[in-house]
Amino acid sequence: MSSLTDPIADLLTRIRNASRAAKVDIRVPYSRIKADIVRILQDEGYIASYELDTTGVVPHLKIKNKIVNNAPVIAGLKRVSRPGLRRYVGATEVPRVLGGMGISILSTPKGLLTGRQARKQNVGGELLAFVW
């Protein structure tokens, strides 16, 4: 098994590709930050469900993509901060995605939060991704 330079980008790419291909089931290698990102996507209604599969040698996340009216709910995903260029924002600089129609995901001292939650708790952090 090869190691990835950017596992978050890998997760987002797998979800993006599955959404475009209208696939319902997605399997990704488990890590705590990936599980937190997927939890946020479920809480915000972008995916149907997820579960941790520990039956194999390497644990995996099994994600159920949400499809409504034969179209995936996720229209787009974008990785913002990456290993070559980190992007940090303050509590007052957290961007809105599509005028509030999408979400931004931040890694803050209080854990992974959406942009809305970060503004409410008045914390900033690393801007990981945009989802719409």
C-alpha atoms as a PDB file:
ATOM      1  CA  MET A   1       0.000   0.000   0.000  1.00  0.00           C
ATOM      2  CA  SER A   2       1.371   3.392  -0.923  1.00  0.00           C
ATOM      3  CA  SER A   3       1.355   6.387   1.328  1.00  0.00           C
ATOM      4  CA  LEU A   4      -0.510   9.481   0.251  1.00  0.00           C
ATOM      5  CA  THR A   5       0.875  12.985   0.353  1.00  0.00           C
ATOM      6  CA  ASP A   6      -2.568  14.494   0.900  1.00  0.00           C
ATOM      7  CA  PRO A   7      -5.152  12.043   2.296  1.00  0.00           C
ATOM      8  CA  ILE A   8      -7.845  14.739   2.605  1.00  0.00           C
ATOM      9  CA  ALA A   9      -7.575  15.530  -1.115  1.00  0.00           C
ATOM     10  CA  ASP A  10      -7.812  11.789  -1.805  1.00  0.00           C
ATOM     11  CA  LEU A  11     -11.030  11.561   0.244  1.00  0.00           C
ATOM     12  CA  LEU A  12     -12.568  14.567  -1.513  1.00  0.00           C
ATOM     13  CA  THR A  13     -11.555  13.222  -4.944  1.00  0.00           C
ATOM     14  CA  ARG A  14     -13.119   9.833  -4.233  1.00  0.00           C
ATOM     15  CA  ILE A  15     -16.365  11.481  -3.118  1.00  0.00           C
ATOM     16  CA  ARG A  16     -16.349  13.871  -6.112  1.00  0.00           C
ATOM     17  CA  ASN A  17     -15.748  11.033  -8.596  1.00  0.00           C
ATOM     18  CA  ALA A  18     -18.450   8.854  -7.040  1.00  0.00           C
ATOM     19  CA  SER A  19     -20.919  11.753  -7.138  1.00  0.00           C
ATOM     20  CA  ARG A  20     -20.239  12.458 -10.798  1.00  0.00           C
ATOM     21  CA  ALA A  21     -20.606   8.754 -11.645  1.00  0.00           C
ATOM     22  CA  ALA A  22     -23.798   8.544  -9.504  1.00  0.00           C
ATOM     23  CA  LYS A  23     -22.280   5.765  -7.369  1.00  0.00           C
ATOM     24  CA  VAL A  24     -23.941   5.137  -4.026  1.00  0.00           C
ATOM     25  CA  ASP A  25     -21.200   3.250  -2.153  1.00  0.00           C
ATOM     26  CA  ILE A  26     -17.739   4.703  -1.515  1.00  0.00           C
ATOM     27  CA  ARG A  27     -14.871   3.042   0.400  1.00  0.00           C
ATOM     28  CA  VAL A  28     -11.920   5.058   1.688  1.00  0.00           C
ATOM     29  CA  PRO A  29      -9.093   4.136   4.075  1.00  0.00           C
ATOM     30  CA  TYR A  30      -9.855   5.256   7.639  1.00  0.00           C
ATOM     31  CA  SER A  31      -8.218   8.098   9.508  1.00  0.00           C
ATOM     32  CA  ARG A  32      -9.657  10.225  12.301  1.00  0.00           C
ATOM     33  CA  ILE A  33      -9.653  13.456  10.275  1.00  0.00           C
ATOM     34  CA  LYS A  34     -11.396  11.730   7.342  1.00  0.00           C
ATOM     35  CA  ALA A  35     -14.033  10.397   9.741  1.00  0.00           C
ATOM     36  CA  ASP A  36     -14.563  13.917  11.115  1.00  0.00           C
ATOM     37  CA  ILE A  37     -14.931  15.374   7.600  1.00  0.00           C
ATOM     38  CA  VAL A  38     -17.432  12.660   6.659  1.00  0.00           C
ATOM     39  CA  ARG A  39     -19.321  13.278   9.937  1.00  0.00           C
ATOM     40  CA  ILE A  40     -19.644  16.972   9.000  1.00  0.00           C
ATOM     41  CA  LEU A  41     -20.865  16.033   5.510  1.00  0.00           C
ATOM     42  CA  GLN A  42     -23.502  13.776   7.051  1.00  0.00           C
ATOM     43  CA  ASP A  43     -24.582  16.390   9.604  1.00  0.00           C
ATOM     44  CA  GLU A  44     -24.985  18.974   6.829  1.00  0.00           C
ATOM     45  CA  GLY A  45     -26.970  16.551   4.651  1.00  0.00           C
ATOM     46  CA  TYR A  46     -24.456  16.001   1.833  1.00  0.00           C
ATOM     47  CA  ILE A  47     -24.135  12.237   2.341  1.00  0.00           C
ATOM     48  CA  ALA A  48     -26.688   9.691   3.542  1.00  0.00           C
ATOM     49  CA  SER A  49     -24.566   7.759   6.048  1.00  0.00           C
ATOM     50  CA  TYR A  50     -21.169   6.332   6.866  1.00  0.00           C
ATOM     51  CA  GLU A  51     -19.773   3.542   9.013  1.00  0.00           C
ATOM     52  CA  LEU A  52     -16.383   2.210  10.043  1.00  0.00           C
ATOM     53  CA  ASP A  53     -15.533  -1.206   8.566  1.00  0.00           C
ATOM     54  CA  THR A  54     -12.830  -3.001  10.577  1.00  0.00           C
ATOM     55  CA  THR A  55     -13.242  -6.469   9.074  1.00  0.00           C
ATOM     56  CA  GLY A  56     -10.148  -6.227   6.839  1.00  0.00           C
ATOM     57  CA  VAL A  57      -6.495  -5.687   7.646  1.00  0.00           C
ATOM     58  CA  VAL A  58      -6.844  -1.928   7.133  1.00  0.00           C
ATOM     59  CA  PRO A  59      -9.970  -0.196   8.498  1.00  0.00           C
ATOM     60  CA  HIS A  60     -12.139   1.572   5.914  1.00  0.00           C
ATOM     61  CA  LEU A  61     -14.946   4.110   5.955  1.00  0.00           C
ATOM     62  CA  LYS A  62     -18.021   2.972   4.028  1.00  0.00           C
ATOM     63  CA  ILE A  63     -19.833   6.073   2.796  1.00  0.00           C
ATOM     64  CA  LYS A  64     -23.336   6.095   1.310  1.00  0.00           C
ATOM     65  CA  ASN A  65     -23.672   8.901  -1.223  1.00  0.00           C
ATOM     66  CA  LYS A  66     -26.957  10.810  -1.108  1.00  0.00           C
ATOM     67  CA  ILE A  67     -28.827  10.895  -4.423  1.00  0.00           C
ATOM     68  CA  VAL A  68     -32.068  12.872  -4.817  1.00  0.00           C
ATOM     69  CA  ASN A  69     -34.122  12.853  -8.051  1.00  0.00           C
ATOM     70  CA  ASN A  70     -31.389  10.822  -9.811  1.00  0.00           C
ATOM     71  CA  ALA A  71     -28.825  13.557  -9.088  1.00  0.00           C
ATOM     72  CA  PRO A  72     -26.157  13.585  -6.372  1.00  0.00           C
ATOM     73  CA  VAL A  73     -26.584  16.129  -3.589  1.00  0.00           C
ATOM     74  CA  ILE A  74     -22.901  17.120  -3.769  1.00  0.00           C
ATOM     75  CA  ALA A  75     -22.448  19.430  -6.762  1.00  0.00           C
ATOM     76  CA  GLY A  76     -18.812  20.237  -6.017  1.00  0.00           C
ATOM     77  CA  LEU A  77     -15.902  19.812  -3.617  1.00  0.00           C
ATOM     78  CA  LYS A  78     -12.740  21.891  -3.533  1.00  0.00           C
ATOM     79  CA  ARG A  79      -9.607  21.386  -1.437  1.00  0.00           C
ATOM     80  CA  VAL A  80      -8.427  24.823  -0.308  1.00  0.00           C
ATOM     81  CA  SER A  81      -5.464  24.374   2.023  1.00  0.00           C
ATOM     82  CA  ARG A  82      -2.986  21.822   0.747  1.00  0.00           C
ATOM     83  CA  PRO A  83       0.429  20.544   1.893  1.00  0.00           C
ATOM     84  CA  GLY A  84       2.296  22.884  -0.474  1.00  0.00           C
ATOM     85  CA  LEU A  85       0.285  25.973   0.452  1.00  0.00           C
ATOM     86  CA  ARG A  86      -1.559  26.107   3.762  1.00  0.00           C
ATOM     87  CA  ARG A  87      -4.384  28.629   4.082  1.00  0.00           C
ATOM     88  CA  TYR A  88      -5.386  29.947   7.489  1.00  0.00           C
ATOM     89  CA  VAL A  89      -8.262  32.305   8.251  1.00  0.00           C
ATOM     90  CA  GLY A  90      -9.213  34.276  11.323  1.00  0.00           C
ATOM     91  CA  ALA A  91     -12.607  34.144  12.971  1.00  0.00           C
ATOM     92  CA  THR A  92     -13.794  37.223  11.068  1.00  0.00           C
ATOM     93  CA  GLU A  93     -12.349  36.063   7.717  1.00  0.00           C
ATOM     94  CA  VAL A  94     -14.159  32.711   7.396  1.00  0.00           C
ATOM     95  CA  PRO A  95     -15.539  32.715   3.820  1.00  0.00           C
ATOM     96  CA  ARG A  96     -19.107  31.933   2.830  1.00  0.00           C
ATOM     97  CA  VAL A  97     -19.538  29.397   0.043  1.00  0.00           C
ATOM     98  CA  LEU A  98     -22.015  30.349  -2.698  1.00  0.00           C
ATOM     99  CA  GLY A  99     -23.585  32.993  -0.474  1.00  0.00           C
ATOM    100  CA  GLY A 100     -24.372  30.477   2.273  1.00  0.00           C
ATOM    101  CA  MET A 101     -25.607  27.661   0.007  1.00  0.00           C
ATOM    102  CA  GLY A 102     -22.455  25.593   0.603  1.00  0.00           C
ATOM    103  CA  ILE A 103     -20.170  24.954   3.562  1.00  0.00           C
ATOM    104  CA  SER A 104     -16.540  25.486   4.366  1.00  0.00           C
ATOM    105  CA  ILE A 105     -14.712  22.998   6.596  1.00  0.00           C
ATOM    106  CA  LEU A 106     -12.087  24.296   9.028  1.00  0.00           C
ATOM    107  CA  SER A 107      -9.605  22.635  11.336  1.00  0.00           C
ATOM    108  CA  THR A 108      -9.713  24.721  14.516  1.00  0.00           C
ATOM    109  CA  PRO A 109      -8.400  24.380  18.068  1.00  0.00           C
ATOM    110  CA  LYS A 110     -11.920  23.164  18.947  1.00  0.00           C
ATOM    111  CA  GLY A 111     -11.823  20.396  16.311  1.00  0.00           C
ATOM    112  CA  LEU A 112     -13.197  20.252  12.785  1.00  0.00           C
ATOM    113  CA  LEU A 113     -16.026  22.746  12.321  1.00  0.00           C
ATOM    114  CA  THR A 114     -18.098  24.180   9.504  1.00  0.00           C
ATOM    115  CA  GLY A 115     -17.585  27.841   8.661  1.00  0.00           C
ATOM    116  CA  ARG A 116     -20.921  28.706  10.269  1.00  0.00           C
ATOM    117  CA  GLN A 117     -19.956  26.981  13.537  1.00  0.00           C
ATOM    118  CA  ALA A 118     -16.509  28.629  13.529  1.00  0.00           C
ATOM    119  CA  ARG A 119     -18.024  32.113  13.111  1.00  0.00           C
ATOM    120  CA  LYS A 120     -20.530  31.364  15.886  1.00  0.00           C
ATOM    121  CA  GLN A 121     -17.773  30.163  18.268  1.00  0.00           C
ATOM    122  CA  ASN A 122     -15.457  33.007  17.148  1.00  0.00           C
ATOM    123  CA  VAL A 123     -12.530  30.760  16.167  1.00  0.00           C
ATOM    124  CA  GLY A 124     -10.378  30.589  13.072  1.00  0.00           C
ATOM    125  CA  GLY A 125      -8.100  27.919  11.727  1.00  0.00           C
ATOM    126  CA  GLU A 126      -6.929  26.083   8.646  1.00  0.00           C
ATOM    127  CA  LEU A 127      -9.435  26.237   5.801  1.00  0.00           C
ATOM    128  CA  LEU A 128      -9.573  22.642   4.555  1.00  0.00           C
ATOM    129  CA  ALA A 129     -12.327  22.498   1.914  1.00  0.00           C
ATOM    130  CA  PHE A 130     -15.413  23.979   0.304  1.00  0.00           C
ATOM    131  CA  VAL A 131     -18.500  21.829  -0.360  1.00  0.00           C
ATOM    132  CA  TRP A 132     -21.548  22.878  -2.345  1.00  0.00           C
END
